[in-house]
Amino acid sequence: MLSTNSHNISENEISKIVYESGFLVHKSLGPGLLESAYEECMFYEIKKQGLFVEKQKPMPLFYDEIKMDVGY
């Protein structure tokens, strides 16, 4: 179980929130926008459901055991 702002929630419930948020955003905006537009709306919808969300969190990229200067 993962914790939200007020209660414990299962991975299945989190998946449902993310899936339904994506469906709602796409239904509202339609296709053809920049990824950043969908990202902002998804961020808003998921936070609105009470989940903790981070955007574009830096994460290292390793290739052939070498840390690359790219990635998130």
C-alpha atoms as a PDB file:
ATOM      1  CA  MET A   1       0.000   0.000   0.000  1.00  0.00           C
ATOM      2  CA  LEU A   2       1.134   3.510  -0.788  1.00  0.00           C
ATOM      3  CA  SER A   3       0.136   6.543   1.214  1.00  0.00           C
ATOM      4  CA  THR A   4      -1.636   9.609  -0.164  1.00  0.00           C
ATOM      5  CA  ASN A   5      -2.354  12.806   1.689  1.00  0.00           C
ATOM      6  CA  SER A   6      -5.073  11.191   3.815  1.00  0.00           C
ATOM      7  CA  HIS A   7      -5.179   7.380   3.493  1.00  0.00           C
ATOM      8  CA  ASN A   8      -3.512   4.238   2.184  1.00  0.00           C
ATOM      9  CA  ILE A   9      -4.179   3.280  -1.417  1.00  0.00           C
ATOM     10  CA  SER A  10      -3.226   0.207  -3.457  1.00  0.00           C
ATOM     11  CA  GLU A  11      -1.191   0.173  -6.649  1.00  0.00           C
ATOM     12  CA  ASN A  12      -4.346  -0.853  -8.534  1.00  0.00           C
ATOM     13  CA  GLU A  13      -6.192   2.195  -7.228  1.00  0.00           C
ATOM     14  CA  ILE A  14      -3.275   4.428  -8.220  1.00  0.00           C
ATOM     15  CA  SER A  15      -3.256   2.879 -11.703  1.00  0.00           C
ATOM     16  CA  LYS A  16      -6.983   3.523 -12.014  1.00  0.00           C
ATOM     17  CA  ILE A  17      -6.562   7.189 -11.052  1.00  0.00           C
ATOM     18  CA  VAL A  18      -3.715   7.667 -13.550  1.00  0.00           C
ATOM     19  CA  TYR A  19      -5.584   5.849 -16.344  1.00  0.00           C
ATOM     20  CA  GLU A  20      -8.823   7.757 -15.780  1.00  0.00           C
ATOM     21  CA  SER A  21      -6.953  11.065 -15.537  1.00  0.00           C
ATOM     22  CA  GLY A  22      -5.247  10.374 -18.858  1.00  0.00           C
ATOM     23  CA  PHE A  23      -8.553   9.478 -20.478  1.00  0.00           C
ATOM     24  CA  LEU A  24     -10.207  12.645 -19.135  1.00  0.00           C
ATOM     25  CA  VAL A  25      -7.354  14.893 -20.266  1.00  0.00           C
ATOM     26  CA  HIS A  26      -7.250  13.377 -23.759  1.00  0.00           C
ATOM     27  CA  LYS A  27     -11.050  13.526 -24.060  1.00  0.00           C
ATOM     28  CA  SER A  28     -11.035  17.196 -23.019  1.00  0.00           C
ATOM     29  CA  LEU A  29      -8.057  18.386 -25.072  1.00  0.00           C
ATOM     30  CA  GLY A  30      -7.995  15.986 -28.011  1.00  0.00           C
ATOM     31  CA  PRO A  31      -4.881  15.034 -29.976  1.00  0.00           C
ATOM     32  CA  GLY A  32      -2.151  17.221 -31.422  1.00  0.00           C
ATOM     33  CA  LEU A  33      -0.912  19.329 -28.518  1.00  0.00           C
ATOM     34  CA  LEU A  34       2.621  19.414 -27.210  1.00  0.00           C
ATOM     35  CA  GLU A  35       3.527  16.819 -24.597  1.00  0.00           C
ATOM     36  CA  SER A  36       4.016  19.594 -22.027  1.00  0.00           C
ATOM     37  CA  ALA A  37       0.332  20.587 -22.294  1.00  0.00           C
ATOM     38  CA  TYR A  38      -0.820  17.049 -21.511  1.00  0.00           C
ATOM     39  CA  GLU A  39       1.791  16.769 -18.748  1.00  0.00           C
ATOM     40  CA  GLU A  40       0.484  19.864 -16.949  1.00  0.00           C
ATOM     41  CA  CYS A  41      -3.126  18.703 -17.173  1.00  0.00           C
ATOM     42  CA  MET A  42      -2.250  15.177 -16.014  1.00  0.00           C
ATOM     43  CA  PHE A  43      -0.269  16.655 -13.113  1.00  0.00           C
ATOM     44  CA  TYR A  44      -3.297  18.747 -12.127  1.00  0.00           C
ATOM     45  CA  GLU A  45      -5.797  15.871 -12.416  1.00  0.00           C
ATOM     46  CA  ILE A  46      -3.675  13.400 -10.447  1.00  0.00           C
ATOM     47  CA  LYS A  47      -2.961  15.937  -7.681  1.00  0.00           C
ATOM     48  CA  LYS A  48      -6.671  16.756  -7.572  1.00  0.00           C
ATOM     49  CA  GLN A  49      -7.296  13.092  -6.677  1.00  0.00           C
ATOM     50  CA  GLY A  50      -4.979  13.435  -3.659  1.00  0.00           C
ATOM     51  CA  LEU A  51      -1.877  11.663  -4.955  1.00  0.00           C
ATOM     52  CA  PHE A  52       1.633  13.046  -4.478  1.00  0.00           C
ATOM     53  CA  VAL A  53       3.122  13.792  -7.908  1.00  0.00           C
ATOM     54  CA  GLU A  54       6.544  14.996  -9.063  1.00  0.00           C
ATOM     55  CA  LYS A  55       7.227  16.251 -12.589  1.00  0.00           C
ATOM     56  CA  GLN A  56      10.407  15.746 -14.587  1.00  0.00           C
ATOM     57  CA  LYS A  57      12.286  14.394 -11.573  1.00  0.00           C
ATOM     58  CA  PRO A  58      15.996  14.164 -12.413  1.00  0.00           C
ATOM     59  CA  MET A  59      17.218  10.596 -12.726  1.00  0.00           C
ATOM     60  CA  PRO A  60      20.676   9.531 -13.877  1.00  0.00           C
ATOM     61  CA  LEU A  61      21.190   7.586 -17.076  1.00  0.00           C
ATOM     62  CA  PHE A  62      23.823   4.860 -17.072  1.00  0.00           C
ATOM     63  CA  TYR A  63      25.100   3.302 -20.279  1.00  0.00           C
ATOM     64  CA  ASP A  64      27.875   0.715 -20.404  1.00  0.00           C
ATOM     65  CA  GLU A  65      28.472   1.380 -16.676  1.00  0.00           C
ATOM     66  CA  ILE A  66      29.097   5.094 -17.364  1.00  0.00           C
ATOM     67  CA  LYS A  67      26.884   7.863 -16.003  1.00  0.00           C
ATOM     68  CA  MET A  68      25.700  10.048 -18.873  1.00  0.00           C
ATOM     69  CA  ASP A  69      24.958  13.768 -18.507  1.00  0.00           C
ATOM     70  CA  VAL A  70      21.401  13.357 -19.796  1.00  0.00           C
ATOM     71  CA  GLY A  71      18.220  11.813 -18.549  1.00  0.00           C
ATOM     72  CA  TYR A  72      15.433  12.612 -16.160  1.00  0.00           C
END
